N, C-alpha and C. Protein backbone atom coordinates (compact mmCIF):
# COMPACT_ATOMS: atom_id res chain seq x y z
N MET A 1 247.03 35.96 -95.28
CA MET A 1 245.43 35.29 -94.87
C MET A 1 244.51 35.89 -95.32
N GLU A 2 243.72 35.24 -95.57
CA GLU A 2 241.92 35.90 -96.07
C GLU A 2 241.23 35.68 -94.85
N VAL A 3 240.25 36.74 -94.77
CA VAL A 3 239.14 37.03 -94.14
C VAL A 3 237.97 37.75 -94.68
N LYS A 4 236.95 36.64 -94.38
CA LYS A 4 235.47 36.96 -95.17
C LYS A 4 234.45 37.45 -93.56
N PHE A 5 233.89 38.24 -94.13
CA PHE A 5 233.10 38.71 -93.02
C PHE A 5 231.80 40.28 -94.07
N ILE A 6 230.72 40.54 -93.20
CA ILE A 6 230.18 41.51 -93.60
C ILE A 6 230.26 42.66 -93.37
N LEU A 7 230.56 43.59 -93.82
CA LEU A 7 230.72 44.72 -93.24
C LEU A 7 229.65 45.85 -94.19
N ASN A 8 229.14 45.99 -92.95
CA ASN A 8 227.62 47.16 -93.34
C ASN A 8 226.61 46.43 -94.32
N GLY A 9 226.27 45.24 -93.88
CA GLY A 9 225.71 44.65 -95.07
C GLY A 9 225.86 43.90 -96.23
N LYS A 10 227.25 44.31 -96.47
CA LYS A 10 228.10 43.43 -97.66
C LYS A 10 229.05 42.60 -97.68
N GLN A 11 228.81 41.25 -98.00
CA GLN A 11 229.79 40.46 -98.11
C GLN A 11 231.16 40.83 -98.22
N THR A 12 232.35 40.80 -97.62
CA THR A 12 233.65 41.06 -97.56
C THR A 12 234.72 40.21 -97.91
N THR A 13 235.49 40.55 -98.59
CA THR A 13 236.77 39.63 -98.55
C THR A 13 237.98 40.62 -98.14
N ALA A 14 238.70 40.16 -97.63
CA ALA A 14 240.11 41.16 -97.62
C ALA A 14 241.65 40.18 -97.17
N ASP A 15 242.29 40.16 -97.88
CA ASP A 15 243.70 39.50 -97.74
C ASP A 15 244.43 40.64 -96.50
N ILE A 16 244.98 39.94 -95.72
CA ILE A 16 245.56 40.67 -94.38
C ILE A 16 246.66 40.16 -93.64
N LYS A 17 247.39 40.66 -92.86
CA LYS A 17 248.57 39.83 -92.03
C LYS A 17 247.78 39.57 -90.80
N GLU A 18 248.38 38.81 -90.26
CA GLU A 18 248.18 37.81 -89.11
C GLU A 18 247.63 39.20 -88.10
N ASP A 19 249.03 40.12 -88.09
CA ASP A 19 248.74 41.08 -86.96
C ASP A 19 248.03 42.25 -87.42
N THR A 20 247.13 42.06 -88.60
CA THR A 20 246.38 43.57 -88.54
C THR A 20 245.05 43.80 -87.95
N VAL A 21 245.06 44.72 -87.39
CA VAL A 21 244.19 45.64 -86.63
C VAL A 21 242.76 46.04 -87.56
N LEU A 22 241.64 45.29 -86.65
CA LEU A 22 240.38 45.78 -87.35
C LEU A 22 240.23 46.99 -87.61
N LEU A 23 240.69 48.32 -87.39
CA LEU A 23 240.61 49.28 -87.11
C LEU A 23 241.38 49.87 -88.57
N ASP A 24 242.85 49.27 -89.05
CA ASP A 24 243.27 49.58 -90.08
C ASP A 24 242.67 49.04 -91.43
N LEU A 25 241.98 47.75 -91.28
CA LEU A 25 241.21 47.18 -92.46
C LEU A 25 240.31 47.87 -92.97
N LEU A 26 239.44 48.22 -91.62
CA LEU A 26 238.00 49.28 -91.85
C LEU A 26 238.58 50.36 -92.64
N ARG A 27 239.41 50.83 -92.55
CA ARG A 27 239.88 52.43 -93.22
C ARG A 27 240.56 52.06 -94.04
N ALA A 28 241.17 50.80 -94.45
CA ALA A 28 241.59 50.49 -95.79
C ALA A 28 240.52 50.17 -96.78
N LYS A 29 239.41 49.98 -96.14
CA LYS A 29 237.99 49.10 -96.79
C LYS A 29 237.09 50.69 -97.17
N GLY A 30 237.69 51.83 -96.59
CA GLY A 30 237.05 52.97 -97.03
C GLY A 30 236.07 53.40 -95.90
N CYS A 31 236.18 52.91 -94.83
CA CYS A 31 235.12 53.45 -93.65
C CYS A 31 236.01 54.73 -93.02
N TYR A 32 235.88 55.58 -93.12
CA TYR A 32 236.84 56.55 -92.09
C TYR A 32 236.19 57.29 -91.08
N SER A 33 234.74 57.00 -90.63
CA SER A 33 234.02 57.33 -89.84
C SER A 33 234.82 56.44 -88.58
N VAL A 34 236.12 55.38 -88.84
CA VAL A 34 236.76 54.52 -87.83
C VAL A 34 238.02 55.26 -87.90
N LYS A 35 238.03 56.26 -86.14
CA LYS A 35 239.31 56.89 -85.98
C LYS A 35 239.90 56.05 -84.83
N CYS A 36 241.54 56.41 -85.33
CA CYS A 36 242.40 55.99 -84.15
C CYS A 36 242.34 57.23 -83.15
N GLY A 37 242.55 57.41 -81.84
CA GLY A 37 242.48 58.69 -81.23
C GLY A 37 243.48 58.53 -80.21
N CYS A 38 243.74 57.25 -79.56
CA CYS A 38 244.48 57.29 -78.48
C CYS A 38 245.43 55.71 -78.47
N GLU A 39 245.17 54.77 -79.45
CA GLU A 39 245.69 53.60 -79.69
C GLU A 39 245.94 52.95 -78.19
N THR A 40 244.90 53.31 -77.25
CA THR A 40 245.04 52.65 -75.75
C THR A 40 243.96 52.06 -75.53
N THR A 41 242.79 52.08 -76.37
CA THR A 41 241.30 51.88 -75.64
C THR A 41 240.54 52.51 -74.71
N ASN A 42 241.26 53.83 -74.67
CA ASN A 42 240.62 54.53 -73.90
C ASN A 42 239.24 55.98 -74.47
N CYS A 43 239.22 55.77 -75.47
CA CYS A 43 238.74 56.97 -75.99
C CYS A 43 237.67 56.95 -76.92
N GLY A 44 237.23 55.79 -77.06
CA GLY A 44 235.82 55.47 -78.43
C GLY A 44 235.54 55.69 -79.62
N LEU A 45 237.11 56.43 -80.02
CA LEU A 45 236.74 57.02 -81.22
C LEU A 45 236.89 55.57 -82.24
N CYS A 46 237.04 54.28 -82.16
CA CYS A 46 237.08 53.64 -82.97
C CYS A 46 236.11 52.54 -82.71
N THR A 47 235.14 52.84 -82.04
CA THR A 47 234.13 51.83 -81.78
C THR A 47 233.15 51.22 -83.44
N VAL A 48 232.96 50.42 -83.15
CA VAL A 48 232.30 49.68 -84.45
C VAL A 48 231.41 48.52 -83.67
N TRP A 49 230.33 48.06 -84.41
CA TRP A 49 229.52 47.04 -83.88
C TRP A 49 230.04 45.41 -84.56
N ILE A 50 230.53 44.92 -83.55
CA ILE A 50 230.78 43.52 -84.33
C ILE A 50 229.44 42.59 -83.60
N ASP A 51 228.73 41.91 -84.83
CA ASP A 51 227.42 41.32 -84.38
C ASP A 51 226.61 42.01 -83.62
N GLY A 52 226.66 43.22 -83.68
CA GLY A 52 225.69 43.89 -83.16
C GLY A 52 225.72 44.48 -81.69
N THR A 53 227.64 44.31 -81.04
CA THR A 53 227.89 44.66 -79.87
C THR A 53 228.94 45.63 -80.04
N PRO A 54 228.78 46.72 -79.53
CA PRO A 54 230.04 47.87 -79.39
C PRO A 54 231.42 47.31 -79.25
N SER A 55 232.33 47.44 -80.16
CA SER A 55 233.54 47.13 -80.07
C SER A 55 234.42 47.82 -80.05
N LEU A 56 235.68 48.14 -79.75
CA LEU A 56 237.03 48.76 -79.98
C LEU A 56 237.70 48.49 -81.17
N SER A 57 237.33 48.71 -82.47
CA SER A 57 238.01 48.42 -83.51
C SER A 57 239.63 48.40 -83.38
N CYS A 58 240.20 49.22 -82.68
CA CYS A 58 241.77 49.50 -82.43
C CYS A 58 242.00 48.33 -81.45
N SER A 59 241.77 47.70 -80.77
CA SER A 59 241.98 46.13 -80.13
C SER A 59 241.15 44.73 -80.42
N VAL A 60 241.14 44.97 -81.56
CA VAL A 60 240.35 43.46 -82.20
C VAL A 60 241.35 43.29 -83.27
N LEU A 61 241.83 41.99 -83.52
CA LEU A 61 242.56 41.90 -84.60
C LEU A 61 241.61 41.31 -85.70
N ALA A 62 241.68 41.79 -86.76
CA ALA A 62 241.02 41.49 -88.22
C ALA A 62 240.47 40.29 -88.28
N ALA A 63 241.59 39.32 -88.15
CA ALA A 63 241.17 37.86 -88.53
C ALA A 63 239.70 37.54 -87.26
N ARG A 64 239.49 38.18 -86.28
CA ARG A 64 238.63 37.82 -85.44
C ARG A 64 237.25 38.14 -86.05
N VAL A 65 236.93 38.80 -87.36
CA VAL A 65 235.53 39.28 -87.45
C VAL A 65 235.57 37.81 -88.75
N GLU A 66 236.19 37.12 -88.83
CA GLU A 66 235.84 36.10 -89.92
C GLU A 66 234.36 35.44 -89.35
N GLY A 67 233.76 35.49 -90.68
CA GLY A 67 232.07 35.20 -90.54
C GLY A 67 231.48 36.03 -89.79
N LYS A 68 231.82 37.21 -89.14
CA LYS A 68 230.91 37.84 -88.36
C LYS A 68 230.17 39.18 -88.98
N GLU A 69 229.46 39.88 -88.57
CA GLU A 69 228.65 41.30 -89.06
C GLU A 69 229.74 42.38 -88.23
N VAL A 70 230.32 43.56 -89.28
CA VAL A 70 230.52 44.49 -88.90
C VAL A 70 230.05 45.65 -89.06
N THR A 71 229.20 46.50 -88.50
CA THR A 71 228.96 47.66 -88.79
C THR A 71 229.33 48.61 -88.17
N THR A 72 229.73 49.92 -89.38
CA THR A 72 230.39 51.15 -88.79
C THR A 72 229.36 52.25 -88.94
N LEU A 73 229.81 53.74 -88.79
CA LEU A 73 228.76 54.11 -89.08
C LEU A 73 228.13 54.56 -90.28
N GLU A 74 229.18 54.11 -91.51
CA GLU A 74 228.81 54.27 -92.56
C GLU A 74 227.54 53.17 -93.00
N GLY A 75 227.37 52.28 -92.23
CA GLY A 75 226.10 51.43 -92.48
C GLY A 75 225.18 51.92 -91.55
N LEU A 76 224.70 53.09 -90.71
CA LEU A 76 223.96 53.45 -90.53
C LEU A 76 223.36 54.76 -90.49
N GLN A 77 223.50 55.47 -91.47
CA GLN A 77 223.51 56.68 -92.54
C GLN A 77 222.52 57.71 -91.58
N GLU A 78 220.80 57.02 -91.46
CA GLU A 78 219.93 57.16 -91.26
C GLU A 78 219.89 57.57 -89.96
N GLU A 79 219.96 56.71 -89.23
CA GLU A 79 219.93 56.88 -87.77
C GLU A 79 221.03 57.59 -87.11
N ALA A 80 222.01 57.51 -87.80
CA ALA A 80 223.18 58.65 -87.23
C ALA A 80 223.01 59.80 -87.78
N ALA A 81 222.24 60.18 -89.03
CA ALA A 81 221.91 61.49 -89.01
C ALA A 81 220.61 62.14 -88.24
N GLU A 82 219.92 61.07 -87.82
CA GLU A 82 218.59 61.41 -86.96
C GLU A 82 219.38 61.93 -85.70
N PHE A 83 220.30 61.02 -84.97
CA PHE A 83 220.54 61.53 -83.28
C PHE A 83 221.57 62.52 -83.74
N GLY A 84 222.28 62.77 -84.87
CA GLY A 84 223.23 63.85 -84.84
C GLY A 84 222.83 65.21 -84.92
N ALA A 85 221.41 65.33 -85.52
CA ALA A 85 220.48 66.94 -85.39
C ALA A 85 220.41 66.69 -83.97
N PHE A 86 220.31 65.83 -82.71
CA PHE A 86 219.99 66.16 -81.74
C PHE A 86 220.87 67.01 -81.22
N LEU A 87 222.37 66.42 -81.53
CA LEU A 87 223.64 66.80 -81.08
C LEU A 87 223.68 68.08 -81.20
N ALA A 88 223.40 68.64 -82.78
CA ALA A 88 223.57 69.94 -83.60
C ALA A 88 222.93 70.79 -82.75
N ALA A 89 221.74 70.69 -82.62
CA ALA A 89 220.51 71.21 -81.79
C ALA A 89 220.88 71.58 -80.43
N GLU A 90 221.90 70.89 -79.81
CA GLU A 90 222.33 70.97 -78.45
C GLU A 90 223.85 71.70 -78.42
N GLY A 91 224.50 71.78 -79.51
CA GLY A 91 225.59 72.31 -79.74
C GLY A 91 226.56 71.49 -79.33
N ALA A 92 226.21 70.23 -79.36
CA ALA A 92 227.28 69.35 -78.35
C ALA A 92 228.11 68.87 -79.38
N GLU A 93 228.01 68.95 -81.00
CA GLU A 93 228.63 68.27 -82.19
C GLU A 93 230.46 68.94 -81.92
N GLN A 94 230.60 70.28 -81.46
CA GLN A 94 231.76 71.20 -81.45
C GLN A 94 232.91 70.70 -82.82
N CYS A 95 233.85 70.18 -82.53
CA CYS A 95 234.85 69.35 -83.36
C CYS A 95 234.58 68.41 -84.78
N GLY A 96 233.38 67.63 -83.98
CA GLY A 96 233.18 66.60 -84.59
C GLY A 96 233.78 65.22 -84.32
N TYR A 97 235.12 65.32 -84.05
CA TYR A 97 236.06 64.38 -84.28
C TYR A 97 235.72 63.06 -83.64
N CYS A 98 234.59 63.15 -82.30
CA CYS A 98 234.79 62.17 -81.30
C CYS A 98 233.04 61.47 -81.90
N SER A 99 232.51 62.52 -82.58
CA SER A 99 231.09 62.31 -82.87
C SER A 99 230.76 60.56 -83.37
N PRO A 100 231.65 60.02 -84.39
CA PRO A 100 231.22 58.81 -85.15
C PRO A 100 231.28 57.60 -83.84
N GLY A 101 232.31 57.63 -82.83
CA GLY A 101 232.42 56.68 -82.05
C GLY A 101 231.14 56.88 -80.83
N PHE A 102 230.93 58.20 -80.72
CA PHE A 102 230.06 58.64 -79.83
C PHE A 102 228.42 58.32 -80.52
N ILE A 103 228.32 58.23 -82.02
CA ILE A 103 226.86 57.96 -81.72
C ILE A 103 226.66 56.40 -81.87
N MET A 104 227.84 55.60 -82.51
CA MET A 104 227.65 54.19 -82.43
C MET A 104 227.31 53.81 -81.23
N ASN A 105 227.90 54.40 -80.19
CA ASN A 105 227.56 53.85 -78.90
C ASN A 105 225.92 54.02 -78.21
N VAL A 106 225.85 55.39 -78.62
CA VAL A 106 224.26 55.99 -78.34
C VAL A 106 223.45 54.88 -79.00
N LEU A 107 223.41 54.74 -80.44
CA LEU A 107 222.61 54.00 -81.17
C LEU A 107 222.69 52.07 -80.53
N ALA A 108 223.74 52.18 -80.18
CA ALA A 108 223.62 50.50 -79.40
C ALA A 108 222.88 50.39 -78.16
N MET A 109 223.11 51.81 -77.62
CA MET A 109 222.78 51.49 -76.20
C MET A 109 220.80 52.23 -76.35
N VAL A 110 220.71 52.51 -77.29
CA VAL A 110 219.15 52.60 -77.48
C VAL A 110 218.68 51.10 -77.91
N ARG A 111 219.59 50.66 -78.68
CA ARG A 111 218.90 48.89 -78.95
C ARG A 111 218.88 48.22 -77.73
N GLU A 112 219.96 48.44 -76.71
CA GLU A 112 220.03 47.34 -75.29
C GLU A 112 219.13 48.23 -74.32
N LEU A 113 219.50 49.25 -74.08
CA LEU A 113 218.57 49.50 -73.18
C LEU A 113 216.96 50.28 -73.32
N GLU A 114 215.94 49.73 -72.71
CA GLU A 114 214.52 50.09 -73.15
C GLU A 114 214.18 51.34 -72.37
N ASP A 115 214.58 51.64 -71.19
CA ASP A 115 214.50 53.31 -70.56
C ASP A 115 215.54 53.53 -69.93
N PRO A 116 216.87 54.18 -70.44
CA PRO A 116 217.88 54.22 -68.96
C PRO A 116 217.84 55.38 -68.32
N THR A 117 218.57 55.08 -67.20
CA THR A 117 218.40 56.03 -66.44
C THR A 117 219.70 57.16 -66.91
N LEU A 118 219.79 58.66 -66.14
CA LEU A 118 221.15 59.18 -66.48
C LEU A 118 222.19 58.65 -66.03
N GLU A 119 222.29 57.70 -64.91
CA GLU A 119 223.08 56.91 -64.48
C GLU A 119 223.72 56.24 -65.68
N GLU A 120 222.68 55.13 -66.08
CA GLU A 120 222.81 53.92 -67.11
C GLU A 120 223.63 54.70 -68.12
N VAL A 121 223.05 55.61 -68.53
CA VAL A 121 223.64 56.47 -69.69
C VAL A 121 224.78 56.59 -69.55
N LYS A 122 225.37 57.46 -68.46
CA LYS A 122 226.80 57.76 -68.28
C LYS A 122 227.65 56.81 -68.18
N GLU A 123 227.05 55.45 -67.72
CA GLU A 123 227.92 54.10 -67.50
C GLU A 123 228.36 53.63 -69.09
N TYR A 124 227.09 53.75 -69.53
CA TYR A 124 227.54 53.16 -70.89
C TYR A 124 227.89 53.80 -71.70
N LEU A 125 228.34 54.88 -71.88
CA LEU A 125 229.36 55.67 -72.69
C LEU A 125 230.73 56.27 -72.10
N ALA A 126 230.45 55.66 -70.68
CA ALA A 126 232.05 56.17 -69.94
C ALA A 126 233.25 56.03 -70.69
N GLY A 127 233.05 55.50 -71.68
CA GLY A 127 234.52 54.79 -72.51
C GLY A 127 234.56 56.20 -73.96
N ASN A 128 233.66 56.80 -73.86
CA ASN A 128 233.76 58.02 -74.98
C ASN A 128 234.27 59.32 -74.61
N LEU A 129 235.74 59.58 -75.17
CA LEU A 129 236.15 60.88 -74.74
C LEU A 129 236.01 62.12 -75.68
N CYS A 130 235.64 63.17 -75.52
CA CYS A 130 235.59 64.40 -75.95
C CYS A 130 236.27 65.32 -75.44
N ARG A 131 237.15 66.12 -76.10
CA ARG A 131 237.97 66.89 -75.27
C ARG A 131 237.31 68.27 -75.96
N CYS A 132 236.39 68.58 -76.28
CA CYS A 132 235.86 69.91 -76.83
C CYS A 132 234.55 70.46 -75.60
N THR A 133 233.64 69.13 -75.29
CA THR A 133 232.62 69.64 -74.38
C THR A 133 232.89 69.04 -72.90
N GLY A 134 231.57 70.03 -72.45
CA GLY A 134 231.28 69.32 -70.51
C GLY A 134 230.73 68.03 -70.73
N TYR A 135 230.27 67.46 -71.69
CA TYR A 135 229.38 66.59 -72.02
C TYR A 135 227.97 66.81 -71.37
N MET A 136 227.53 67.73 -71.14
CA MET A 136 225.95 68.31 -70.75
C MET A 136 225.40 68.67 -72.30
N GLY A 137 225.79 68.79 -73.19
CA GLY A 137 225.32 68.71 -74.39
C GLY A 137 224.66 67.79 -75.13
N GLN A 138 225.71 66.60 -74.90
CA GLN A 138 225.47 65.45 -75.00
C GLN A 138 224.57 64.79 -74.59
N LEU A 139 224.62 64.70 -73.08
CA LEU A 139 223.47 64.03 -72.18
C LEU A 139 221.93 65.01 -72.48
N ARG A 140 222.19 66.15 -72.94
CA ARG A 140 220.95 66.84 -73.14
C ARG A 140 220.28 66.33 -74.45
N ALA A 141 220.93 66.10 -75.40
CA ALA A 141 220.34 65.16 -76.80
C ALA A 141 220.28 63.98 -76.84
N ILE A 142 220.88 63.22 -75.96
CA ILE A 142 220.36 61.88 -75.85
C ILE A 142 219.17 62.04 -74.73
N LYS A 143 219.26 62.75 -74.21
CA LYS A 143 217.68 62.70 -73.44
C LYS A 143 216.57 63.18 -74.12
N LYS A 144 216.78 64.25 -74.81
CA LYS A 144 215.43 64.46 -76.07
C LYS A 144 215.55 63.49 -77.09
N TYR A 145 216.75 62.78 -77.44
CA TYR A 145 216.43 61.88 -78.67
C TYR A 145 215.84 60.42 -78.13
N LEU A 146 215.93 60.17 -76.50
CA LEU A 146 215.31 58.99 -75.97
C LEU A 146 213.71 59.60 -76.15
N GLU A 147 213.48 60.77 -75.54
CA GLU A 147 211.88 61.30 -75.51
C GLU A 147 211.51 60.57 -76.58
N MET A 148 212.04 61.61 -77.96
CA MET A 148 211.44 61.24 -79.25
C MET A 148 211.29 59.71 -79.66
N LYS A 149 212.31 58.87 -79.25
CA LYS A 149 212.26 57.65 -79.87
C LYS A 149 210.98 57.00 -78.50
N ARG A 150 210.58 57.49 -77.64
CA ARG A 150 209.86 56.63 -76.88
C ARG A 150 208.06 57.21 -77.34
N GLY A 151 208.31 58.30 -78.19
CA GLY A 151 207.33 59.17 -78.16
C GLY A 151 206.53 60.00 -76.83
N THR A 152 207.32 60.25 -76.43
CA THR A 152 206.86 61.10 -75.02
C THR A 152 207.04 62.64 -75.40
N LYS A 153 207.49 63.01 -76.53
CA LYS A 153 207.65 64.30 -76.62
C LYS A 153 207.74 64.80 -78.09
C-alpha cells in the first residue's frame, strides 16, 4: 500500500506493508534519531511528533500517518542543538542513546506548557527512560533552558 505524508517539512511517499510500524518506515527513510529501545512503549526512544503531538513511533502503524505531518529530531536540528547544549553543560547527555526521544519530548513540552512546574516537567517526561543518569542533570538542563526561553536568566 502507498502512504503519503509530510516528513520533516517535505512531502513523502512510501510503499509499505499493512503491518509496517512507523519506527521502521522512518528509519528506512534515513531518520536514524528514531530508535527502538524496548518494543513495549516504555522507553520514549522512538518519540516523534505526529501533527505536533509527541507519539511513540514503535506503537503506530505507518498507514496511520497518511496525510499527516511527522517530525523527527532531524527536522528540528537548530532547536535540538540549542537544548542539547544545556544537556551537555549539565553532564546529562552521558551515552546519548536516549537523547533524541528525550529532546523531542522536551521541545514538545516547551510548546505546550507555558511555565511548567517541576512536577509538571516530571509528569510530561515520565515515559523517557535513561539508564545512565539519575535524571538530576536533565532536570537542571531543562530548568536552565526554560529560564533562557523565558528570558529570566
